[in-house]
């Protein structure tokens, strides 16, 4: 029986398909930057800024340049269930402390251009209330100024206090809501849960509106340290021992 030879072109295509995965594996460098591609797709990188929806809520925080201690604490919190976001939990639940620290350190050294956020369309009086709470606090409510912990420039402080500028208003509102209802927690004493519980919803809206309307300074480097003693005991930033 005469067997007709198989066409050469399909055989070559089949061979190339088998070889392609091996070539792809060899072509992709095993770097931390490649490994955190899933993170930067939402949080942004130097080559691909974080997505900014044209309309609707924006819950993607800018994490580049934040203190490594803060980022490490938050990765641990997601892994332990102290913060609730299924995608984050799924990604970190099997990672070791050392790997989480490595990821946190990498992001702390990144310098991603700050997004230009839409200014909050709030009445002038409400924005002024936000400015007052951020810079001076409210002694009657026993709420300290945000600047007392997050730095006079609101760019955070080493080793573990985050900057507040460049964060979308929706994200800030969501975090206050999570602290108020207990779905976001930190190591005790949880100072932010205490503060969130003392603020009205109108005050939260004023704070988030004012913060999201302020530009990020060209030098958004965290302060070397926070002033001690802090206005409230905070488990994520223990007091210095003499």
Foldseek 3Di string as FASTA:
>chain_A
DDDDDDDPVVVVVVVVVVCVVVVVVVVDDPDVVVVCPVVCQAQNAQVGHHDDDPDDDRQHFNQAQWALLQQLQVLVCLLVQLADDVVSNVVRVPPDSVVSSVNSVVRNNGDHDQDQFDADPDPPVLLVLLVCCQQQNDVVLLRGHVCQACNPLQLREPHHGHRQASTALNNQLVVLVCLCVRSHAGPPPAVSSVNSVSDDSSNSSNNSNNRHNDHQDPDSNHHHHHDPPGSDAHPSHHDDDD
